[in-house]
């Protein structure tokens, strides 16, 4: 990720505000040809100029595809 700030409307998001592990997850999924984004409260907090306490990601990848991308994945919960 570039060390340059990201400008959006009247907001500047500094890369140091992003969790490196969250960015890594999105980058690995994207490099595996899946759309993937940081979403939710972390985006809101960043746009408000706050440092998020946690980060959520969303992807089009199905659970089996995610397991192939992250070979060290530990499933904690499963959807019914």
N, C-alpha and C. Protein backbone atom coordinates (compact mmCIF):
# COMPACT_ATOMS: atom_id res chain seq x y z
N UNK A 1 0.84 -1.17 0.00
CA UNK A 1 0.00 0.00 0.00
C UNK A 1 0.89 1.23 0.00
N UNK A 2 0.47 2.21 -0.75
CA UNK A 2 1.22 3.45 -0.86
C UNK A 2 1.17 4.23 0.45
N UNK A 3 2.28 4.86 0.83
CA UNK A 3 2.29 5.68 2.06
C UNK A 3 1.58 7.02 1.87
N UNK A 4 1.15 7.30 0.65
CA UNK A 4 0.47 8.56 0.37
C UNK A 4 -0.94 8.56 0.94
N UNK A 5 -1.39 9.69 1.49
CA UNK A 5 -2.76 9.77 1.99
C UNK A 5 -3.77 9.58 0.87
N UNK A 6 -4.92 9.03 1.21
CA UNK A 6 -6.01 8.84 0.27
C UNK A 6 -6.99 9.97 0.48
N UNK A 7 -7.33 10.68 -0.56
CA UNK A 7 -8.26 11.81 -0.45
C UNK A 7 -9.63 11.39 -0.96
N UNK A 8 -10.65 11.67 -0.17
CA UNK A 8 -12.03 11.39 -0.56
C UNK A 8 -12.89 12.54 -0.07
N UNK A 9 -13.49 13.26 -1.01
CA UNK A 9 -14.30 14.44 -0.68
C UNK A 9 -13.46 15.38 0.19
N UNK A 10 -13.94 15.70 1.38
CA UNK A 10 -13.22 16.60 2.28
C UNK A 10 -12.40 15.85 3.32
N UNK A 11 -12.18 14.56 3.10
CA UNK A 11 -11.51 13.72 4.09
C UNK A 11 -10.18 13.22 3.54
N UNK A 12 -9.20 13.13 4.42
CA UNK A 12 -7.92 12.53 4.08
C UNK A 12 -7.75 11.30 4.97
N UNK A 13 -7.52 10.15 4.34
CA UNK A 13 -7.30 8.91 5.09
C UNK A 13 -5.82 8.57 4.99
N UNK A 14 -5.17 8.49 6.14
CA UNK A 14 -3.75 8.18 6.17
C UNK A 14 -3.56 6.67 6.29
N UNK A 15 -2.69 6.09 5.47
CA UNK A 15 -2.47 4.64 5.52
C UNK A 15 -2.11 4.13 6.91
N UNK A 16 -1.48 4.96 7.73
CA UNK A 16 -1.13 4.54 9.09
C UNK A 16 -2.37 4.27 9.93
N UNK A 17 -3.54 4.77 9.48
CA UNK A 17 -4.80 4.54 10.20
C UNK A 17 -5.38 3.16 9.91
N UNK A 18 -4.83 2.49 8.90
CA UNK A 18 -5.36 1.19 8.49
C UNK A 18 -4.62 0.07 9.20
N UNK A 19 -5.34 -0.96 9.56
CA UNK A 19 -4.72 -2.13 10.17
C UNK A 19 -4.01 -2.93 9.09
N UNK A 20 -2.71 -3.17 9.23
CA UNK A 20 -1.97 -3.89 8.19
C UNK A 20 -2.52 -5.29 7.91
N UNK A 21 -3.03 -5.97 8.94
CA UNK A 21 -3.60 -7.31 8.73
C UNK A 21 -4.88 -7.24 7.91
N UNK A 22 -5.71 -6.24 8.16
CA UNK A 22 -6.95 -6.07 7.39
C UNK A 22 -6.62 -5.76 5.94
N UNK A 23 -5.66 -4.90 5.73
CA UNK A 23 -5.23 -4.57 4.36
C UNK A 23 -4.68 -5.81 3.67
N UNK A 24 -3.92 -6.62 4.40
CA UNK A 24 -3.35 -7.84 3.84
C UNK A 24 -4.45 -8.81 3.39
N UNK A 25 -5.50 -8.94 4.19
CA UNK A 25 -6.61 -9.83 3.82
C UNK A 25 -7.25 -9.37 2.51
N UNK A 26 -7.54 -8.08 2.42
CA UNK A 26 -8.16 -7.55 1.20
C UNK A 26 -7.22 -7.71 0.01
N UNK A 27 -5.94 -7.44 0.21
CA UNK A 27 -4.98 -7.58 -0.89
C UNK A 27 -4.86 -9.03 -1.36
N UNK A 28 -4.79 -9.98 -0.43
CA UNK A 28 -4.67 -11.39 -0.82
C UNK A 28 -5.89 -11.86 -1.60
N UNK A 29 -7.08 -11.46 -1.16
CA UNK A 29 -8.29 -11.84 -1.88
C UNK A 29 -8.33 -11.19 -3.26
N UNK A 30 -7.93 -9.93 -3.33
CA UNK A 30 -7.92 -9.22 -4.62
C UNK A 30 -6.91 -9.85 -5.57
N UNK A 31 -5.73 -10.22 -5.05
CA UNK A 31 -4.72 -10.86 -5.88
C UNK A 31 -5.16 -12.23 -6.38
N UNK A 32 -6.11 -12.82 -5.67
CA UNK A 32 -6.67 -14.12 -6.10
C UNK A 32 -7.90 -13.93 -6.97
N UNK A 33 -8.09 -12.72 -7.48
CA UNK A 33 -9.17 -12.37 -8.42
C UNK A 33 -10.56 -12.36 -7.80
N UNK A 34 -10.66 -12.05 -6.51
CA UNK A 34 -11.96 -11.87 -5.86
C UNK A 34 -12.10 -10.40 -5.49
N UNK A 35 -13.29 -9.86 -5.70
CA UNK A 35 -13.54 -8.50 -5.21
C UNK A 35 -13.55 -8.56 -3.70
N UNK A 36 -12.93 -7.56 -3.08
CA UNK A 36 -12.84 -7.53 -1.63
C UNK A 36 -12.66 -6.09 -1.18
N UNK A 37 -13.34 -5.72 -0.10
CA UNK A 37 -13.33 -4.34 0.37
C UNK A 37 -13.34 -4.29 1.89
N UNK A 38 -12.77 -3.22 2.44
CA UNK A 38 -13.01 -2.90 3.85
C UNK A 38 -14.39 -2.27 3.90
N UNK A 39 -15.18 -2.64 4.89
CA UNK A 39 -16.57 -2.19 4.95
C UNK A 39 -16.97 -1.85 6.38
N UNK A 40 -18.14 -1.26 6.51
CA UNK A 40 -18.76 -1.07 7.82
C UNK A 40 -18.21 0.10 8.60
N UNK A 41 -18.18 -0.10 9.92
CA UNK A 41 -17.81 0.96 10.84
C UNK A 41 -16.41 1.50 10.63
N UNK A 42 -15.48 0.67 10.16
CA UNK A 42 -14.12 1.18 9.93
C UNK A 42 -14.11 2.24 8.84
N UNK A 43 -14.93 2.06 7.81
CA UNK A 43 -15.01 3.05 6.74
C UNK A 43 -15.61 4.34 7.28
N UNK A 44 -16.70 4.21 8.05
CA UNK A 44 -17.32 5.38 8.67
C UNK A 44 -16.31 6.14 9.54
N UNK A 45 -15.61 5.39 10.40
CA UNK A 45 -14.65 6.03 11.29
C UNK A 45 -13.55 6.74 10.50
N UNK A 46 -13.03 6.09 9.47
CA UNK A 46 -11.98 6.71 8.66
C UNK A 46 -12.46 7.99 7.99
N UNK A 47 -13.68 7.96 7.46
CA UNK A 47 -14.23 9.15 6.81
C UNK A 47 -14.47 10.28 7.80
N UNK A 48 -14.71 9.93 9.07
CA UNK A 48 -14.90 10.94 10.11
C UNK A 48 -13.57 11.40 10.72
N UNK A 49 -12.48 10.80 10.26
CA UNK A 49 -11.17 11.18 10.78
C UNK A 49 -10.79 10.48 12.07
N UNK A 50 -11.51 9.39 12.42
CA UNK A 50 -11.21 8.63 13.64
C UNK A 50 -10.38 7.40 13.28
N UNK A 51 -9.71 6.85 14.26
CA UNK A 51 -8.99 5.58 14.06
C UNK A 51 -9.92 4.45 14.46
N UNK A 52 -10.25 3.55 13.53
CA UNK A 52 -11.18 2.46 13.83
C UNK A 52 -10.63 1.51 14.89
N UNK A 53 -11.55 0.94 15.69
CA UNK A 53 -11.12 -0.05 16.69
C UNK A 53 -11.07 -1.45 16.09
N UNK A 54 -11.82 -1.69 15.02
CA UNK A 54 -11.77 -2.97 14.32
C UNK A 54 -12.09 -2.76 12.85
N UNK A 55 -11.79 -3.77 12.07
CA UNK A 55 -11.96 -3.69 10.62
C UNK A 55 -12.75 -4.89 10.14
N UNK A 56 -13.68 -4.63 9.22
CA UNK A 56 -14.47 -5.69 8.60
C UNK A 56 -14.18 -5.69 7.11
N UNK A 57 -14.17 -6.87 6.52
CA UNK A 57 -13.96 -6.99 5.09
C UNK A 57 -15.13 -7.77 4.50
N UNK A 58 -15.41 -7.47 3.25
CA UNK A 58 -16.45 -8.19 2.52
C UNK A 58 -15.84 -8.68 1.21
N UNK A 59 -16.28 -9.84 0.77
CA UNK A 59 -15.76 -10.41 -0.47
C UNK A 59 -16.84 -11.22 -1.17
N UNK A 60 -16.63 -11.41 -2.45
CA UNK A 60 -17.52 -12.26 -3.21
C UNK A 60 -17.12 -13.73 -3.11
N UNK A 61 -15.95 -13.99 -2.55
CA UNK A 61 -15.44 -15.37 -2.46
C UNK A 61 -16.31 -16.21 -1.53
N UNK A 62 -16.54 -17.43 -1.93
CA UNK A 62 -17.30 -18.38 -1.12
C UNK A 62 -16.38 -18.98 -0.06
N UNK A 63 -16.92 -19.56 1.01
CA UNK A 63 -16.07 -20.10 2.08
C UNK A 63 -14.97 -21.05 1.60
N UNK A 64 -15.28 -21.94 0.69
CA UNK A 64 -14.24 -22.87 0.20
C UNK A 64 -13.14 -22.13 -0.55
N UNK A 65 -13.52 -21.10 -1.28
CA UNK A 65 -12.52 -20.31 -2.01
C UNK A 65 -11.63 -19.54 -1.03
N UNK A 66 -12.22 -19.05 0.04
CA UNK A 66 -11.45 -18.32 1.05
C UNK A 66 -10.45 -19.26 1.70
N UNK A 67 -10.86 -20.50 1.98
CA UNK A 67 -9.95 -21.48 2.59
C UNK A 67 -8.76 -21.77 1.68
N UNK A 68 -8.98 -21.73 0.37
CA UNK A 68 -7.86 -21.96 -0.56
C UNK A 68 -6.88 -20.78 -0.55
N UNK A 69 -7.40 -19.57 -0.39
CA UNK A 69 -6.53 -18.38 -0.37
C UNK A 69 -5.74 -18.32 0.94
N UNK A 70 -6.41 -18.66 2.05
CA UNK A 70 -5.78 -18.59 3.37
C UNK A 70 -5.61 -20.01 3.90
N UNK A 71 -4.48 -20.61 3.61
CA UNK A 71 -4.27 -22.00 3.99
C UNK A 71 -4.12 -22.18 5.52
N UNK A 72 -3.92 -21.09 6.25
CA UNK A 72 -3.77 -21.17 7.69
C UNK A 72 -5.06 -20.76 8.41
N UNK A 73 -6.17 -20.79 7.70
CA UNK A 73 -7.47 -20.36 8.23
C UNK A 73 -8.00 -21.31 9.28
N UNK A 74 -8.50 -20.73 10.36
CA UNK A 74 -9.15 -21.50 11.42
C UNK A 74 -10.61 -21.07 11.46
N UNK A 75 -11.52 -21.96 11.11
CA UNK A 75 -12.95 -21.64 11.13
C UNK A 75 -13.44 -21.63 12.57
N UNK A 76 -13.98 -20.50 13.00
CA UNK A 76 -14.46 -20.37 14.38
C UNK A 76 -15.96 -20.58 14.43
N UNK A 77 -16.68 -20.05 13.46
CA UNK A 77 -18.14 -20.20 13.41
C UNK A 77 -18.54 -20.56 12.00
N UNK A 78 -19.64 -21.28 11.88
CA UNK A 78 -20.15 -21.66 10.56
C UNK A 78 -21.59 -21.28 10.47
N UNK A 79 -22.00 -20.80 9.31
CA UNK A 79 -23.39 -20.48 9.05
C UNK A 79 -24.16 -21.78 8.84
N UNK A 80 -25.39 -21.79 9.24
CA UNK A 80 -26.22 -23.00 9.09
C UNK A 80 -26.64 -23.22 7.68
